[in-house]
Amino acid sequence: MSDIPHRRRITVTGQVQGVGFRPFVYRLALDVGLSGLVRNAPEGVVIEVQGSPRRLDVFLRRLEAEQPPLARIMRVVTQDMAPTGDSAGASTFAIHKSTGGAGHDVLISPDISTCADCLAELTDKNDRRFLYPFTNCTNCGPRFTITRSIPYDRPNTSMGCFPLCADCSREYEDPANRRFHAQPNAC
């Protein structure tokens, strides 16, 4: 296969918002060596990835095989696109602002009990979340009860009116953190 860059638009529907799917896609794209973007949209999660055909195929296989534990992919639709040649779009991967619109093809995750990692923090006297009753991350916590509308982003949840402190904000913005883009995160 050729190493000439190809670009694909991938639309993933199902239970893919509010489950850490965008952070997962972000990390996967970087691991595979692709550029592009991911965003929530009424039709699900929209991904645009660019790279060699081989890397794109690896990305697609891993997308379904390694999805986050709370995700439930119902459908994956791919469409070839013209590659971008600009330096801003051809060498980076980013989580973009969600797009709104009428209707949706997204299943909202139910509220999920506290995961093992959060329970460990909750019981660790040296952790800043020691005995904090609202501890959660992208793998657990409220989803359905805080969702006001789709796409599932913090402003569209009941958490939208609560600003993040500096520590929570750092976690929310760190792709290596399990609270990266965790909408119910609060302190």
N, C-alpha and C. Protein backbone atom coordinates (compact mmCIF):
# COMPACT_ATOMS: atom_id res chain seq x y z
N MET A 1 0.82 -1.19 0.00
CA MET A 1 0.00 0.00 0.00
C MET A 1 0.86 1.25 0.00
N SER A 2 0.31 2.29 -0.48
CA SER A 2 0.99 3.56 -0.61
C SER A 2 1.08 4.29 0.73
N ASP A 3 2.13 5.09 0.88
CA ASP A 3 2.25 5.94 2.06
C ASP A 3 1.69 7.33 1.81
N ILE A 4 1.08 7.53 0.65
CA ILE A 4 0.44 8.81 0.35
C ILE A 4 -0.72 8.97 1.32
N PRO A 5 -0.82 10.15 1.99
CA PRO A 5 -1.87 10.32 2.98
C PRO A 5 -3.28 10.18 2.39
N HIS A 6 -4.10 9.51 3.13
CA HIS A 6 -5.53 9.40 2.85
C HIS A 6 -6.26 9.99 4.05
N ARG A 7 -7.49 10.39 3.84
CA ARG A 7 -8.29 10.95 4.93
C ARG A 7 -9.64 10.26 4.93
N ARG A 8 -10.12 9.90 6.13
CA ARG A 8 -11.43 9.28 6.27
C ARG A 8 -12.25 9.99 7.34
N ARG A 9 -13.51 10.11 7.04
CA ARG A 9 -14.49 10.57 8.04
C ARG A 9 -15.17 9.31 8.57
N ILE A 10 -15.16 9.16 9.87
CA ILE A 10 -15.75 7.99 10.53
C ILE A 10 -16.83 8.48 11.47
N THR A 11 -18.03 8.00 11.30
CA THR A 11 -19.13 8.34 12.21
C THR A 11 -19.48 7.10 13.01
N VAL A 12 -19.41 7.23 14.33
CA VAL A 12 -19.66 6.11 15.24
C VAL A 12 -20.93 6.42 16.01
N THR A 13 -21.90 5.50 15.94
CA THR A 13 -23.15 5.69 16.67
C THR A 13 -23.29 4.63 17.75
N GLY A 14 -24.16 4.91 18.69
CA GLY A 14 -24.41 4.01 19.81
C GLY A 14 -24.21 4.74 21.11
N GLN A 15 -23.73 4.04 22.11
CA GLN A 15 -23.44 4.63 23.41
C GLN A 15 -21.99 5.09 23.38
N VAL A 16 -21.77 6.26 22.76
CA VAL A 16 -20.42 6.74 22.51
C VAL A 16 -20.18 8.16 23.04
N GLN A 17 -21.15 8.74 23.70
CA GLN A 17 -20.96 10.04 24.33
C GLN A 17 -21.14 9.87 25.83
N GLY A 18 -20.25 10.50 26.58
CA GLY A 18 -20.31 10.38 28.03
C GLY A 18 -19.64 9.12 28.55
N VAL A 19 -18.81 8.49 27.74
CA VAL A 19 -18.14 7.25 28.15
C VAL A 19 -16.63 7.31 27.92
N GLY A 20 -16.10 8.51 27.69
CA GLY A 20 -14.67 8.66 27.45
C GLY A 20 -14.26 8.30 26.04
N PHE A 21 -15.19 8.38 25.08
CA PHE A 21 -14.89 7.96 23.72
C PHE A 21 -13.97 8.95 23.01
N ARG A 22 -14.21 10.25 23.12
CA ARG A 22 -13.34 11.22 22.45
C ARG A 22 -11.90 11.14 22.99
N PRO A 23 -11.70 11.09 24.31
CA PRO A 23 -10.32 10.94 24.80
C PRO A 23 -9.67 9.64 24.32
N PHE A 24 -10.46 8.56 24.25
CA PHE A 24 -9.95 7.29 23.73
C PHE A 24 -9.51 7.45 22.28
N VAL A 25 -10.34 8.07 21.45
CA VAL A 25 -10.01 8.28 20.03
C VAL A 25 -8.76 9.14 19.91
N TYR A 26 -8.66 10.17 20.72
CA TYR A 26 -7.50 11.06 20.72
C TYR A 26 -6.22 10.26 20.98
N ARG A 27 -6.22 9.48 22.06
CA ARG A 27 -5.03 8.69 22.41
C ARG A 27 -4.73 7.63 21.34
N LEU A 28 -5.76 6.99 20.80
CA LEU A 28 -5.57 5.98 19.77
C LEU A 28 -4.97 6.58 18.51
N ALA A 29 -5.49 7.72 18.08
CA ALA A 29 -4.96 8.37 16.87
C ALA A 29 -3.48 8.73 17.05
N LEU A 30 -3.13 9.25 18.21
CA LEU A 30 -1.73 9.58 18.47
C LEU A 30 -0.87 8.32 18.48
N ASP A 31 -1.38 7.25 19.09
CA ASP A 31 -0.63 6.00 19.17
C ASP A 31 -0.39 5.40 17.78
N VAL A 32 -1.39 5.49 16.91
CA VAL A 32 -1.27 4.94 15.56
C VAL A 32 -0.50 5.88 14.63
N GLY A 33 -0.41 7.16 15.00
CA GLY A 33 0.33 8.12 14.18
C GLY A 33 -0.51 8.81 13.13
N LEU A 34 -1.76 9.14 13.50
CA LEU A 34 -2.67 9.82 12.57
C LEU A 34 -2.91 11.25 13.01
N SER A 35 -3.25 12.10 12.06
CA SER A 35 -3.68 13.46 12.37
C SER A 35 -5.18 13.52 12.16
N GLY A 36 -5.78 14.62 12.62
CA GLY A 36 -7.21 14.80 12.41
C GLY A 36 -7.90 15.39 13.61
N LEU A 37 -9.16 14.96 13.79
CA LEU A 37 -9.99 15.53 14.85
C LEU A 37 -11.08 14.55 15.25
N VAL A 38 -11.66 14.80 16.41
CA VAL A 38 -12.83 14.06 16.89
C VAL A 38 -13.75 15.07 17.56
N ARG A 39 -15.07 14.85 17.42
CA ARG A 39 -16.04 15.72 18.09
C ARG A 39 -17.34 14.97 18.28
N ASN A 40 -18.11 15.39 19.29
CA ASN A 40 -19.46 14.89 19.47
C ASN A 40 -20.36 15.64 18.50
N ALA A 41 -21.37 14.95 18.00
CA ALA A 41 -22.34 15.53 17.08
C ALA A 41 -23.66 14.80 17.28
N PRO A 42 -24.76 15.36 16.79
CA PRO A 42 -26.05 14.67 16.96
C PRO A 42 -26.04 13.25 16.38
N GLU A 43 -25.26 13.02 15.33
CA GLU A 43 -25.23 11.69 14.72
C GLU A 43 -24.33 10.71 15.46
N GLY A 44 -23.63 11.14 16.50
CA GLY A 44 -22.75 10.28 17.28
C GLY A 44 -21.43 10.95 17.53
N VAL A 45 -20.35 10.21 17.36
CA VAL A 45 -19.00 10.77 17.44
C VAL A 45 -18.46 10.78 16.01
N VAL A 46 -17.99 11.96 15.60
CA VAL A 46 -17.46 12.13 14.25
C VAL A 46 -15.94 12.25 14.36
N ILE A 47 -15.26 11.42 13.57
CA ILE A 47 -13.80 11.37 13.58
C ILE A 47 -13.33 11.63 12.15
N GLU A 48 -12.33 12.48 12.01
CA GLU A 48 -11.65 12.64 10.73
C GLU A 48 -10.19 12.31 11.00
N VAL A 49 -9.69 11.29 10.29
CA VAL A 49 -8.31 10.86 10.49
C VAL A 49 -7.58 10.83 9.16
N GLN A 50 -6.29 11.18 9.23
CA GLN A 50 -5.47 11.24 8.03
C GLN A 50 -4.15 10.54 8.28
N GLY A 51 -3.73 9.74 7.29
CA GLY A 51 -2.45 9.03 7.36
C GLY A 51 -2.38 8.01 6.25
N SER A 52 -1.45 7.10 6.36
CA SER A 52 -1.31 6.06 5.34
C SER A 52 -2.50 5.11 5.43
N PRO A 53 -2.85 4.47 4.31
CA PRO A 53 -3.96 3.50 4.35
C PRO A 53 -3.75 2.41 5.40
N ARG A 54 -2.52 1.96 5.56
CA ARG A 54 -2.24 0.93 6.56
C ARG A 54 -2.56 1.42 7.96
N ARG A 55 -2.14 2.63 8.29
CA ARG A 55 -2.42 3.19 9.62
C ARG A 55 -3.92 3.42 9.83
N LEU A 56 -4.61 3.86 8.79
CA LEU A 56 -6.06 4.05 8.89
C LEU A 56 -6.76 2.73 9.17
N ASP A 57 -6.32 1.66 8.52
CA ASP A 57 -6.91 0.34 8.75
C ASP A 57 -6.65 -0.13 10.19
N VAL A 58 -5.43 0.08 10.67
CA VAL A 58 -5.10 -0.29 12.05
C VAL A 58 -5.99 0.49 13.02
N PHE A 59 -6.15 1.78 12.77
CA PHE A 59 -6.99 2.62 13.62
C PHE A 59 -8.42 2.08 13.68
N LEU A 60 -8.99 1.76 12.53
CA LEU A 60 -10.37 1.25 12.49
C LEU A 60 -10.52 -0.06 13.24
N ARG A 61 -9.56 -0.96 13.07
CA ARG A 61 -9.62 -2.24 13.80
C ARG A 61 -9.56 -2.01 15.30
N ARG A 62 -8.64 -1.18 15.73
CA ARG A 62 -8.46 -0.94 17.16
C ARG A 62 -9.61 -0.12 17.75
N LEU A 63 -10.23 0.73 16.94
CA LEU A 63 -11.36 1.55 17.41
C LEU A 63 -12.45 0.66 18.00
N GLU A 64 -12.79 -0.40 17.31
CA GLU A 64 -13.84 -1.29 17.79
C GLU A 64 -13.31 -2.29 18.83
N ALA A 65 -12.11 -2.79 18.63
CA ALA A 65 -11.56 -3.82 19.52
C ALA A 65 -11.21 -3.29 20.90
N GLU A 66 -10.81 -2.02 21.00
CA GLU A 66 -10.29 -1.47 22.26
C GLU A 66 -11.18 -0.37 22.85
N GLN A 67 -12.41 -0.26 22.40
CA GLN A 67 -13.29 0.82 22.85
C GLN A 67 -13.37 0.90 24.37
N PRO A 68 -13.68 2.07 24.92
CA PRO A 68 -13.79 2.22 26.37
C PRO A 68 -14.80 1.23 26.96
N PRO A 69 -14.62 0.87 28.23
CA PRO A 69 -15.48 -0.16 28.83
C PRO A 69 -16.97 0.19 28.84
N LEU A 70 -17.32 1.46 28.89
CA LEU A 70 -18.73 1.84 28.94
C LEU A 70 -19.34 2.08 27.56
N ALA A 71 -18.51 2.07 26.52
CA ALA A 71 -19.00 2.33 25.16
C ALA A 71 -19.73 1.11 24.60
N ARG A 72 -20.71 1.38 23.75
CA ARG A 72 -21.43 0.34 23.01
C ARG A 72 -21.60 0.84 21.58
N ILE A 73 -20.70 0.41 20.71
CA ILE A 73 -20.77 0.85 19.31
C ILE A 73 -21.89 0.09 18.61
N MET A 74 -22.78 0.84 17.99
CA MET A 74 -23.87 0.24 17.22
C MET A 74 -23.53 0.19 15.73
N ARG A 75 -22.86 1.24 15.25
CA ARG A 75 -22.57 1.32 13.81
C ARG A 75 -21.34 2.21 13.59
N VAL A 76 -20.53 1.83 12.61
CA VAL A 76 -19.38 2.63 12.19
C VAL A 76 -19.52 2.83 10.68
N VAL A 77 -19.59 4.10 10.27
CA VAL A 77 -19.72 4.44 8.86
C VAL A 77 -18.48 5.22 8.46
N THR A 78 -17.79 4.78 7.40
CA THR A 78 -16.60 5.48 6.93
C THR A 78 -16.86 6.09 5.56
N GLN A 79 -16.21 7.20 5.33
CA GLN A 79 -16.32 7.91 4.06
C GLN A 79 -14.94 8.48 3.72
N ASP A 80 -14.45 8.22 2.52
CA ASP A 80 -13.18 8.78 2.09
C ASP A 80 -13.34 10.27 1.85
N MET A 81 -12.29 11.02 2.18
CA MET A 81 -12.26 12.47 2.00
C MET A 81 -10.95 12.84 1.33
N ALA A 82 -10.90 14.06 0.82
CA ALA A 82 -9.64 14.58 0.28
C ALA A 82 -8.71 14.90 1.45
N PRO A 83 -7.44 14.50 1.37
CA PRO A 83 -6.51 14.83 2.45
C PRO A 83 -6.30 16.34 2.55
N THR A 84 -6.03 16.79 3.77
CA THR A 84 -5.72 18.20 3.95
C THR A 84 -4.23 18.38 3.78
N GLY A 85 -3.84 19.51 3.22
CA GLY A 85 -2.43 19.76 3.00
C GLY A 85 -1.89 20.87 3.87
N ASP A 86 -2.77 21.54 4.60
CA ASP A 86 -2.32 22.65 5.43
C ASP A 86 -1.59 22.11 6.66
N SER A 87 -0.64 22.86 7.13
CA SER A 87 0.17 22.41 8.26
C SER A 87 -0.64 22.30 9.53
N ALA A 88 -1.69 23.09 9.70
CA ALA A 88 -2.49 23.04 10.92
C ALA A 88 -3.31 21.76 10.99
N GLY A 89 -3.79 21.26 9.86
CA GLY A 89 -4.65 20.09 9.89
C GLY A 89 -3.96 18.79 9.58
N ALA A 90 -2.73 18.83 9.12
CA ALA A 90 -2.09 17.62 8.65
C ALA A 90 -1.09 17.02 9.63
N SER A 91 -0.82 17.67 10.74
CA SER A 91 0.21 17.14 11.63
C SER A 91 -0.24 17.00 13.08
N THR A 92 -1.49 17.26 13.36
CA THR A 92 -1.96 17.22 14.75
C THR A 92 -3.26 16.43 14.84
N PHE A 93 -3.60 16.06 16.06
CA PHE A 93 -4.92 15.49 16.32
C PHE A 93 -5.50 16.26 17.49
N ALA A 94 -6.79 16.56 17.41
CA ALA A 94 -7.41 17.40 18.43
C ALA A 94 -8.85 16.99 18.69
N ILE A 95 -9.30 17.29 19.88
CA ILE A 95 -10.72 17.17 20.21
C ILE A 95 -11.33 18.52 19.90
N HIS A 96 -12.26 18.55 18.97
CA HIS A 96 -12.90 19.79 18.56
C HIS A 96 -14.20 20.01 19.32
N LYS A 97 -14.65 21.24 19.26
CA LYS A 97 -15.91 21.62 19.88
C LYS A 97 -17.04 20.81 19.23
N SER A 98 -17.97 20.37 20.03
CA SER A 98 -19.09 19.59 19.54
C SER A 98 -20.00 20.44 18.67
N THR A 99 -20.73 19.76 17.81
CA THR A 99 -21.72 20.45 16.99
C THR A 99 -23.11 20.00 17.42
N GLY A 100 -24.07 20.92 17.35
CA GLY A 100 -25.44 20.62 17.74
C GLY A 100 -26.30 20.42 16.51
N GLY A 101 -27.57 20.26 16.74
CA GLY A 101 -28.51 20.08 15.65
C GLY A 101 -29.73 19.34 16.13
N ALA A 102 -30.69 19.21 15.27
CA ALA A 102 -31.94 18.53 15.61
C ALA A 102 -31.74 17.02 15.56
N GLY A 103 -32.43 16.34 16.46
CA GLY A 103 -32.38 14.88 16.49
C GLY A 103 -31.03 14.38 16.93
N HIS A 104 -30.94 13.08 17.15
CA HIS A 104 -29.65 12.49 17.49
C HIS A 104 -29.71 10.99 17.29
N ASP A 105 -28.53 10.41 17.15
CA ASP A 105 -28.37 8.97 16.97
C ASP A 105 -27.40 8.47 18.03
N VAL A 106 -27.66 8.90 19.29
CA VAL A 106 -26.76 8.63 20.40
C VAL A 106 -27.55 8.01 21.54
N LEU A 107 -26.98 7.00 22.17
CA LEU A 107 -27.57 6.41 23.37
C LEU A 107 -26.84 7.01 24.57
N ILE A 108 -27.58 7.48 25.54
CA ILE A 108 -26.97 8.05 26.75
C ILE A 108 -26.68 6.91 27.72
N SER A 109 -25.46 6.90 28.21
CA SER A 109 -25.05 5.89 29.17
C SER A 109 -25.85 6.04 30.46
N PRO A 110 -26.16 4.93 31.11
CA PRO A 110 -26.77 5.03 32.44
C PRO A 110 -25.72 5.53 33.43
N ASP A 111 -26.16 5.93 34.60
CA ASP A 111 -25.23 6.27 35.66
C ASP A 111 -24.50 4.98 36.05
N ILE A 112 -23.19 5.10 36.28
CA ILE A 112 -22.34 3.93 36.52
C ILE A 112 -21.74 4.00 37.93
N SER A 113 -21.77 2.88 38.64
CA SER A 113 -21.22 2.85 40.00
C SER A 113 -19.72 3.17 39.98
N THR A 114 -19.23 3.58 41.10
CA THR A 114 -17.84 4.01 41.25
C THR A 114 -16.88 2.89 40.86
N CYS A 115 -15.92 3.23 40.00
CA CYS A 115 -14.95 2.24 39.51
C CYS A 115 -13.87 1.98 40.58
N ALA A 116 -13.08 0.95 40.35
CA ALA A 116 -12.03 0.55 41.30
C ALA A 116 -11.00 1.66 41.51
N ASP A 117 -10.63 2.37 40.44
CA ASP A 117 -9.64 3.46 40.58
C ASP A 117 -10.18 4.58 41.47
N CYS A 118 -11.43 4.95 41.28
CA CYS A 118 -12.02 6.02 42.11
C CYS A 118 -12.21 5.55 43.55
N LEU A 119 -12.59 4.28 43.74
CA LEU A 119 -12.72 3.75 45.10
C LEU A 119 -11.38 3.78 45.83
N ALA A 120 -10.30 3.50 45.11
CA ALA A 120 -8.97 3.54 45.72
C ALA A 120 -8.64 4.96 46.18
N GLU A 121 -8.98 5.96 45.35
CA GLU A 121 -8.76 7.35 45.75
C GLU A 121 -9.61 7.73 46.96
N LEU A 122 -10.84 7.27 46.94
CA LEU A 122 -11.80 7.59 48.01
C LEU A 122 -11.32 7.10 49.37
N THR A 123 -10.58 6.01 49.40
CA THR A 123 -10.13 5.42 50.66
C THR A 123 -8.66 5.70 50.99
N ASP A 124 -8.00 6.48 50.15
CA ASP A 124 -6.58 6.81 50.36
C ASP A 124 -6.48 8.13 51.11
N LYS A 125 -6.03 8.09 52.35
CA LYS A 125 -5.94 9.30 53.18
C LYS A 125 -5.02 10.36 52.59
N ASN A 126 -4.12 9.96 51.70
CA ASN A 126 -3.19 10.91 51.09
C ASN A 126 -3.69 11.48 49.77
N ASP A 127 -4.84 11.03 49.32
CA ASP A 127 -5.39 11.51 48.05
C ASP A 127 -6.32 12.70 48.32
N ARG A 128 -6.32 13.65 47.42
CA ARG A 128 -7.18 14.82 47.62
C ARG A 128 -8.66 14.48 47.56
N ARG A 129 -9.01 13.31 47.04
CA ARG A 129 -10.41 12.88 46.98
C ARG A 129 -10.79 11.94 48.13
N PHE A 130 -9.96 11.86 49.14
CA PHE A 130 -10.25 11.03 50.30
C PHE A 130 -11.63 11.37 50.87
N LEU A 131 -12.50 10.36 50.91
CA LEU A 131 -13.87 10.45 51.42
C LEU A 131 -14.75 11.45 50.68
N TYR A 132 -14.33 11.88 49.52
CA TYR A 132 -15.14 12.80 48.71
C TYR A 132 -16.25 11.99 48.03
N PRO A 133 -17.51 12.25 48.35
CA PRO A 133 -18.60 11.38 47.89
C PRO A 133 -18.94 11.46 46.41
N PHE A 134 -18.45 12.47 45.70
CA PHE A 134 -18.81 12.64 44.28
C PHE A 134 -17.67 12.28 43.33
N THR A 135 -16.74 11.47 43.80
CA THR A 135 -15.61 11.05 42.98
C THR A 135 -16.11 10.26 41.77
N ASN A 136 -15.56 10.59 40.59
CA ASN A 136 -15.91 9.89 39.34
C ASN A 136 -14.82 10.16 38.32
N CYS A 137 -14.92 9.45 37.19
CA CYS A 137 -13.99 9.64 36.08
C CYS A 137 -14.70 9.24 34.79
N THR A 138 -13.98 9.08 33.70
CA THR A 138 -14.64 8.70 32.45
C THR A 138 -15.16 7.27 32.49
N ASN A 139 -14.76 6.49 33.48
CA ASN A 139 -15.21 5.10 33.58
C ASN A 139 -16.34 4.89 34.58
N CYS A 140 -16.78 5.95 35.26
CA CYS A 140 -17.84 5.78 36.24
C CYS A 140 -18.51 7.13 36.52
N GLY A 141 -19.56 7.07 37.31
CA GLY A 141 -20.23 8.30 37.73
C GLY A 141 -21.53 8.55 36.98
N PRO A 142 -22.12 9.72 37.24
CA PRO A 142 -23.41 10.04 36.63
C PRO A 142 -23.29 10.34 35.15
N ARG A 143 -24.27 9.95 34.39
CA ARG A 143 -24.37 10.26 32.97
C ARG A 143 -25.82 10.65 32.67
N PHE A 144 -26.70 9.65 32.74
CA PHE A 144 -28.10 9.86 32.37
C PHE A 144 -28.75 10.96 33.20
N THR A 145 -28.51 10.94 34.52
CA THR A 145 -29.21 11.90 35.39
C THR A 145 -28.72 13.33 35.25
N ILE A 146 -27.55 13.54 34.67
CA ILE A 146 -27.06 14.91 34.52
C ILE A 146 -27.20 15.46 33.10
N THR A 147 -27.59 14.61 32.15
CA THR A 147 -27.67 15.02 30.75
C THR A 147 -28.92 15.85 30.50
N ARG A 148 -28.72 17.03 29.92
CA ARG A 148 -29.84 17.90 29.55
C ARG A 148 -30.12 17.83 28.05
N SER A 149 -29.06 17.69 27.25
CA SER A 149 -29.23 17.59 25.80
C SER A 149 -27.97 16.99 25.19
N ILE A 150 -28.09 16.68 23.91
CA ILE A 150 -26.99 16.13 23.12
C ILE A 150 -26.46 17.25 22.24
N PRO A 151 -25.18 17.37 21.98
CA PRO A 151 -24.13 16.44 22.33
C PRO A 151 -23.77 16.50 23.82
N TYR A 152 -23.22 15.39 24.32
CA TYR A 152 -22.87 15.27 25.72
C TYR A 152 -21.57 16.02 25.98
N ASP A 153 -21.71 17.25 26.40
CA ASP A 153 -20.60 18.12 26.80
C ASP A 153 -20.99 18.78 28.10
N ARG A 154 -20.03 19.20 28.87
CA ARG A 154 -20.30 19.78 30.18
C ARG A 154 -21.38 20.87 30.15
N PRO A 155 -21.35 21.81 29.20
CA PRO A 155 -22.41 22.84 29.20
C PRO A 155 -23.82 22.27 28.99
N ASN A 156 -23.93 21.06 28.44
CA ASN A 156 -25.23 20.42 28.21
C ASN A 156 -25.61 19.47 29.33
N THR A 157 -24.91 19.58 30.45
CA THR A 157 -25.22 18.76 31.63
C THR A 157 -25.55 19.69 32.79
N SER A 158 -26.06 19.13 33.86
CA SER A 158 -26.34 19.93 35.05
C SER A 158 -25.05 20.42 35.70
N MET A 159 -23.89 19.92 35.26
CA MET A 159 -22.60 20.36 35.79
C MET A 159 -22.12 21.65 35.13
N GLY A 160 -22.77 22.08 34.07
CA GLY A 160 -22.33 23.24 33.30
C GLY A 160 -22.16 24.51 34.11
N CYS A 161 -22.93 24.65 35.17
CA CYS A 161 -22.85 25.89 35.96
C CYS A 161 -21.79 25.84 37.05
N PHE A 162 -21.08 24.71 37.16
CA PHE A 162 -20.05 24.57 38.18
C PHE A 162 -18.67 24.65 37.55
N PRO A 163 -17.94 25.74 37.78
CA PRO A 163 -16.59 25.84 37.21
C PRO A 163 -15.64 24.85 37.89
N LEU A 164 -14.65 24.40 37.12
CA LEU A 164 -13.66 23.48 37.66
C LEU A 164 -12.57 24.27 38.38
N CYS A 165 -12.10 23.75 39.51
CA CYS A 165 -10.96 24.35 40.19
C CYS A 165 -9.71 24.10 39.34
N ALA A 166 -8.60 24.67 39.73
CA ALA A 166 -7.36 24.52 38.95
C ALA A 166 -6.93 23.05 38.85
N ASP A 167 -7.01 22.28 39.94
CA ASP A 167 -6.61 20.87 39.91
C ASP A 167 -7.52 20.05 39.00
N CYS A 168 -8.84 20.24 39.14
CA CYS A 168 -9.79 19.50 38.30
C CYS A 168 -9.64 19.91 36.83
N SER A 169 -9.38 21.17 36.59
CA SER A 169 -9.21 21.66 35.23
C SER A 169 -7.98 21.03 34.57
N ARG A 170 -6.88 20.90 35.33
CA ARG A 170 -5.67 20.26 34.81
C ARG A 170 -5.97 18.80 34.42
N GLU A 171 -6.72 18.08 35.27
CA GLU A 171 -7.08 16.69 34.95
C GLU A 171 -7.95 16.65 33.69
N TYR A 172 -8.91 17.54 33.61
CA TYR A 172 -9.86 17.58 32.50
C TYR A 172 -9.15 17.84 31.17
N GLU A 173 -8.06 18.59 31.20
CA GLU A 173 -7.35 18.97 29.98
C GLU A 173 -6.14 18.08 29.67
N ASP A 174 -5.87 17.08 30.50
CA ASP A 174 -4.69 16.23 30.32
C ASP A 174 -5.08 14.92 29.64
N PRO A 175 -4.65 14.72 28.37
CA PRO A 175 -5.03 13.50 27.64
C PRO A 175 -4.59 12.20 28.32
N ALA A 176 -3.59 12.25 29.18
CA ALA A 176 -3.11 11.04 29.86
C ALA A 176 -3.91 10.73 31.12
N ASN A 177 -4.79 11.63 31.53
CA ASN A 177 -5.55 11.47 32.77
C ASN A 177 -6.89 10.79 32.49
N ARG A 178 -7.34 9.93 33.38
CA ARG A 178 -8.62 9.26 33.16
C ARG A 178 -9.81 10.20 33.36
N ARG A 179 -9.56 11.42 33.77
CA ARG A 179 -10.61 12.43 33.87
C ARG A 179 -10.57 13.43 32.71
N PHE A 180 -9.77 13.11 31.69
CA PHE A 180 -9.69 13.93 30.49
C PHE A 180 -11.09 14.01 29.86
N HIS A 181 -11.63 15.20 29.80
CA HIS A 181 -12.96 15.46 29.26
C HIS A 181 -14.06 14.68 29.99
N ALA A 182 -13.86 14.41 31.29
CA ALA A 182 -14.90 13.77 32.12
C ALA A 182 -15.88 14.87 32.55
N GLN A 183 -17.04 14.91 31.92
CA GLN A 183 -17.98 16.01 32.15
C GLN A 183 -18.48 16.10 33.59
N PRO A 184 -18.72 15.00 34.33
CA PRO A 184 -19.24 15.14 35.70
C PRO A 184 -18.17 15.44 36.75
N ASN A 185 -16.90 15.57 36.36
CA ASN A 185 -15.85 15.86 37.32
C ASN A 185 -16.18 17.13 38.11
N ALA A 186 -16.01 17.06 39.41
CA ALA A 186 -16.31 18.21 40.27
C ALA A 186 -15.53 18.09 41.57
N CYS A 187 -15.39 19.21 42.24
CA CYS A 187 -14.71 19.20 43.54
C CYS A 187 -15.47 20.03 44.55
